[in-house]
Amino acid sequence: MPVRRAPIWGYQDLVLFLSAVLPSLALSAALLRVSRVVAPALLASDAARTLVFQSFMYVFLVGALYLVIAWRYHEPFWSALGWTSPVARDWLSLVGGPGLTIALSALGVILRAPSDSSQIELLIKSRASLAAVMLFGVLLAPIFEEMLFRGFLLPLLMRSLGPWPGILLTAVPFALLHGAQNHWAWQPILLIGIAGIVFGYVRYKTRSTTAAFLMHSAYNATGFLGYALTHWGLLS
């Protein structure tokens, strides 16, 4: 099924979605409190609590996006956001992910990016927490972020401003979303912004959010694998 070049939603729908952010935060915090009472052993670690809270957030925000698209416009949710069955060129995005990770890591060295661990890395204290963080970072986070930024926001901005302004502007909130976990250091935020530009370009050229997701997932997986081999010796 071909992907729409111009989305049916507009900026009013973007405002409606953004209005769901604060209620989603409050509901997620409340559910986390309840979950800690019901299953204190499962949520004893910082990693578990952080990942559960973010998962609740993703569920609520995806629900808000669903109401905007599927309920308000009666459109198929996934296809409207550009999620299609992967074709050959989409799978090629998996190859580009590791290359992008290596290239941006080299650029980070040139820019003298801080060597301090990100907040995500600080959650990793065992192989179990590493596996949980990898599952979240390689699957859940890329699905949500590509759905929101390259599936929902990018087509809207491209319709108004054109492809490259849309790609560049979409990369800005994508990078800022990761600011806190990188202690707001400008180098990693810039590198993530560049990654967002590449993901946006892939979405634009393939007209497939699936392709952007595959590259994003492979990009994150390469970074986690490098971290795992460095800190936990998984090859031994």
Protein backbone atom coordinates (compact mmCIF):
# COMPACT_ATOMS: atom_id res chain seq x y z
CA MET A 1 0.00 0.00 0.00
CA PRO A 2 1.60 3.31 -1.05
CA VAL A 3 2.46 5.80 1.67
CA ARG A 4 0.71 9.15 1.55
CA ARG A 5 2.92 12.04 0.48
CA ALA A 6 0.77 14.57 2.35
CA PRO A 7 -0.61 13.61 5.77
CA ILE A 8 -4.26 14.06 6.55
CA TRP A 9 -3.47 15.58 9.96
CA GLY A 10 -2.50 19.18 10.63
CA TYR A 11 -0.94 21.41 13.26
CA GLN A 12 -4.11 21.39 15.33
CA ASP A 13 -3.62 17.64 15.68
CA LEU A 14 -0.01 18.22 16.71
CA VAL A 15 -1.23 20.55 19.47
CA LEU A 16 -3.79 17.95 20.55
CA PHE A 17 -1.06 15.34 20.79
CA LEU A 18 1.25 17.64 22.75
CA SER A 19 -1.58 18.37 25.17
CA ALA A 20 -1.50 14.68 26.12
CA VAL A 21 2.13 14.79 27.26
CA LEU A 22 1.62 16.17 30.79
CA PRO A 23 -1.38 13.94 31.57
CA SER A 24 0.64 10.97 30.30
CA LEU A 25 3.50 11.89 32.64
CA ALA A 26 1.11 12.09 35.60
CA LEU A 27 -0.63 8.82 34.76
CA SER A 28 2.67 7.03 34.22
CA ALA A 29 4.00 8.23 37.58
CA ALA A 30 0.80 7.08 39.29
CA LEU A 31 0.92 3.67 37.63
CA LEU A 32 4.56 3.29 38.59
CA ARG A 33 3.67 3.93 42.23
CA VAL A 34 0.93 1.31 42.08
CA SER A 35 3.27 -1.15 40.34
CA ARG A 36 5.91 -0.71 43.03
CA VAL A 37 3.32 -1.63 45.65
CA VAL A 38 2.03 -4.64 43.70
CA ALA A 39 5.42 -5.97 42.57
CA PRO A 40 8.15 -4.41 44.73
CA ALA A 41 10.71 -7.11 43.94
CA LEU A 42 10.41 -6.64 40.19
CA LEU A 43 10.84 -2.87 40.49
CA ALA A 44 13.60 -2.82 43.06
CA SER A 45 16.25 -1.50 40.66
CA ASP A 46 16.57 1.95 39.11
CA ALA A 47 16.72 0.35 35.66
CA ALA A 48 13.42 -1.49 36.12
CA ARG A 49 11.62 1.59 37.44
CA THR A 50 12.94 3.83 34.67
CA LEU A 51 12.08 1.41 31.89
CA VAL A 52 8.61 0.69 33.28
CA PHE A 53 7.87 4.42 33.63
CA GLN A 54 8.99 5.13 30.07
CA SER A 55 7.00 2.15 28.80
CA PHE A 56 3.86 3.53 30.45
CA MET A 57 4.60 6.89 28.83
CA TYR A 58 4.97 5.31 25.41
CA VAL A 59 1.68 3.44 25.78
CA PHE A 60 -0.24 6.58 26.70
CA LEU A 61 1.34 8.71 23.98
CA VAL A 62 0.81 6.07 21.31
CA GLY A 63 -2.79 5.93 22.50
CA ALA A 64 -3.07 9.70 22.05
CA LEU A 65 -1.59 9.41 18.56
CA TYR A 66 -4.03 6.63 17.75
CA LEU A 67 -6.97 8.80 18.78
CA VAL A 68 -5.74 11.62 16.56
CA ILE A 69 -5.29 9.47 13.47
CA ALA A 70 -7.47 6.40 13.66
CA TRP A 71 -10.35 7.74 15.75
CA ARG A 72 -10.53 11.32 14.46
CA TYR A 73 -9.83 10.61 10.78
CA HIS A 74 -10.85 6.95 10.60
CA GLU A 75 -7.55 6.06 8.93
CA PRO A 76 -5.55 2.83 9.29
CA PHE A 77 -3.14 3.78 12.06
CA TRP A 78 0.06 2.04 11.00
CA SER A 79 -0.14 2.65 7.26
CA ALA A 80 -1.07 6.31 7.79
CA LEU A 81 2.21 6.74 9.69
CA GLY A 82 4.21 5.08 6.91
CA TRP A 83 4.67 1.65 8.48
CA THR A 84 4.78 -0.83 5.62
CA SER A 85 5.92 -4.40 5.14
CA PRO A 86 9.70 -4.21 4.64
CA VAL A 87 10.97 -4.51 1.08
CA ALA A 88 14.56 -5.11 -0.05
CA ARG A 89 15.67 -1.49 0.21
CA ASP A 90 14.18 -1.21 3.70
CA TRP A 91 16.29 -4.13 4.89
CA LEU A 92 19.36 -2.34 3.51
CA SER A 93 18.78 0.23 6.25
CA LEU A 94 19.95 -2.40 8.73
CA VAL A 95 23.37 -2.24 7.09
CA GLY A 96 23.44 1.53 7.36
CA GLY A 97 22.78 1.52 11.10
CA PRO A 98 26.15 0.12 12.22
CA GLY A 99 27.96 2.33 9.73
CA LEU A 100 26.20 5.38 11.14
CA THR A 101 27.13 4.39 14.69
CA ILE A 102 30.80 4.01 13.78
CA ALA A 103 30.86 7.29 11.85
CA LEU A 104 29.23 9.29 14.63
CA SER A 105 31.46 7.66 17.25
CA ALA A 106 34.49 8.83 15.27
CA LEU A 107 32.99 12.31 14.99
CA GLY A 108 32.40 12.26 18.75
CA VAL A 109 36.11 11.66 19.30
CA ILE A 110 36.94 14.61 17.02
CA LEU A 111 34.46 16.83 18.89
CA ARG A 112 35.84 15.61 22.23
CA ALA A 113 32.46 14.42 23.43
CA PRO A 114 32.39 13.88 27.22
CA SER A 115 33.43 10.41 28.31
CA ASP A 116 30.96 10.41 31.22
CA SER A 117 28.41 7.63 31.02
CA SER A 118 24.93 8.59 29.95
CA GLN A 119 22.04 8.08 32.34
CA ILE A 120 21.04 5.04 30.30
CA GLU A 121 24.47 3.48 30.79
CA LEU A 122 24.31 4.21 34.52
CA LEU A 123 21.24 1.98 34.71
CA ILE A 124 23.31 -0.99 33.56
CA LYS A 125 24.67 -2.73 36.64
CA SER A 126 24.33 -6.37 35.65
CA ARG A 127 23.83 -8.51 32.59
CA ALA A 128 20.11 -8.72 33.38
CA SER A 129 19.77 -4.94 33.44
CA LEU A 130 21.87 -4.75 30.27
CA ALA A 131 19.46 -7.14 28.53
CA ALA A 132 16.44 -5.12 29.70
CA VAL A 133 17.96 -1.81 28.60
CA MET A 134 18.97 -3.29 25.24
CA LEU A 135 15.46 -4.63 24.65
CA PHE A 136 14.04 -1.21 25.39
CA GLY A 137 16.66 0.70 23.40
CA VAL A 138 16.75 -1.55 20.36
CA LEU A 139 13.03 -2.25 19.99
CA LEU A 140 10.57 -0.18 22.04
CA ALA A 141 12.27 3.23 21.91
CA PRO A 142 12.96 3.17 18.14
CA ILE A 143 9.39 2.10 17.41
CA PHE A 144 7.94 4.96 19.44
CA GLU A 145 10.45 7.59 18.30
CA GLU A 146 10.11 6.74 14.61
CA MET A 147 6.34 6.62 14.93
CA LEU A 148 6.31 10.08 16.48
CA PHE A 149 9.10 11.92 14.68
CA ARG A 150 9.39 10.36 11.22
CA GLY A 151 5.87 8.94 11.00
CA PHE A 152 3.81 11.81 12.44
CA LEU A 153 5.86 15.02 12.64
CA LEU A 154 8.09 14.78 9.56
CA PRO A 155 5.33 14.44 6.93
CA LEU A 156 3.54 17.42 8.47
CA LEU A 157 6.65 19.63 8.34
CA MET A 158 7.58 18.44 4.84
CA ARG A 159 4.14 19.34 3.58
CA SER A 160 4.50 22.88 4.96
CA LEU A 161 8.20 23.58 4.47
CA GLY A 162 9.62 21.07 2.04
CA PRO A 163 11.77 17.96 2.55
CA TRP A 164 15.05 19.31 3.91
CA PRO A 165 13.64 21.94 6.27
CA GLY A 166 11.23 19.29 7.53
CA ILE A 167 14.01 16.75 8.04
CA LEU A 168 16.23 19.26 9.84
CA LEU A 169 13.46 20.62 12.08
CA THR A 170 12.28 17.13 13.00
CA ALA A 171 15.81 16.24 14.11
CA VAL A 172 15.84 19.10 16.66
CA PRO A 173 13.18 17.80 19.10
CA PHE A 174 14.46 14.27 18.49
CA ALA A 175 17.92 15.32 19.70
CA LEU A 176 16.56 17.36 22.61
CA LEU A 177 14.49 14.37 23.76
CA HIS A 178 17.82 12.68 24.53
CA GLY A 179 19.39 15.74 26.16
CA ALA A 180 18.75 14.92 29.80
CA GLN A 181 20.13 11.39 29.55
CA ASN A 182 23.35 12.87 28.11
CA HIS A 183 23.68 15.56 30.82
CA TRP A 184 22.83 18.23 28.21
CA ALA A 185 26.33 18.09 26.73
CA TRP A 186 26.19 19.66 23.29
CA GLN A 187 28.36 17.07 21.55
CA PRO A 188 26.14 14.00 22.08
CA ILE A 189 23.02 16.09 21.41
CA LEU A 190 24.55 17.20 18.10
CA LEU A 191 25.48 13.64 17.19
CA ILE A 192 21.96 12.40 17.96
CA GLY A 193 20.60 15.26 15.86
CA ILE A 194 22.75 14.13 12.94
CA ALA A 195 21.44 10.61 13.39
CA GLY A 196 17.91 12.06 13.33
CA ILE A 197 18.69 13.80 10.04
CA VAL A 198 19.84 10.51 8.54
CA PHE A 199 16.74 8.69 9.79
CA GLY A 200 14.59 11.46 8.35
CA TYR A 201 16.34 11.28 4.99
CA VAL A 202 15.80 7.52 4.89
CA ARG A 203 12.11 8.05 5.66
CA TYR A 204 11.87 10.68 2.92
CA LYS A 205 13.65 8.66 0.23
CA THR A 206 11.94 5.33 0.94
CA ARG A 207 8.58 6.81 2.01
CA SER A 208 8.71 4.15 4.72
CA THR A 209 8.85 4.66 8.47
CA THR A 210 9.74 0.98 8.65
CA ALA A 211 13.06 1.68 6.90
CA ALA A 212 13.86 4.50 9.35
CA PHE A 213 13.00 2.20 12.26
CA LEU A 214 15.27 -0.57 10.99
CA MET A 215 18.21 1.82 10.67
CA HIS A 216 17.46 3.36 14.09
CA SER A 217 17.23 -0.07 15.69
CA ALA A 218 20.49 -1.25 14.11
CA TYR A 219 22.16 2.03 15.12
CA ASN A 220 21.17 1.57 18.77
CA ALA A 221 21.99 -2.14 18.74
CA THR A 222 25.52 -1.44 17.51
CA GLY A 223 26.08 1.07 20.30
CA PHE A 224 24.77 -1.32 22.94
CA LEU A 225 26.85 -4.17 21.56
CA GLY A 226 29.99 -2.05 21.71
CA TYR A 227 29.17 -1.10 25.30
CA ALA A 228 28.45 -4.71 26.24
CA LEU A 229 31.71 -6.00 24.79
CA THR A 230 33.66 -3.26 26.48
CA HIS A 231 32.12 -3.54 29.94
CA TRP A 232 30.80 -7.08 30.28
CA GLY A 233 33.01 -9.22 28.07
CA LEU A 234 30.16 -11.08 26.40
CA LEU A 235 32.55 -12.78 24.00
CA SER A 236 34.39 -14.54 26.83
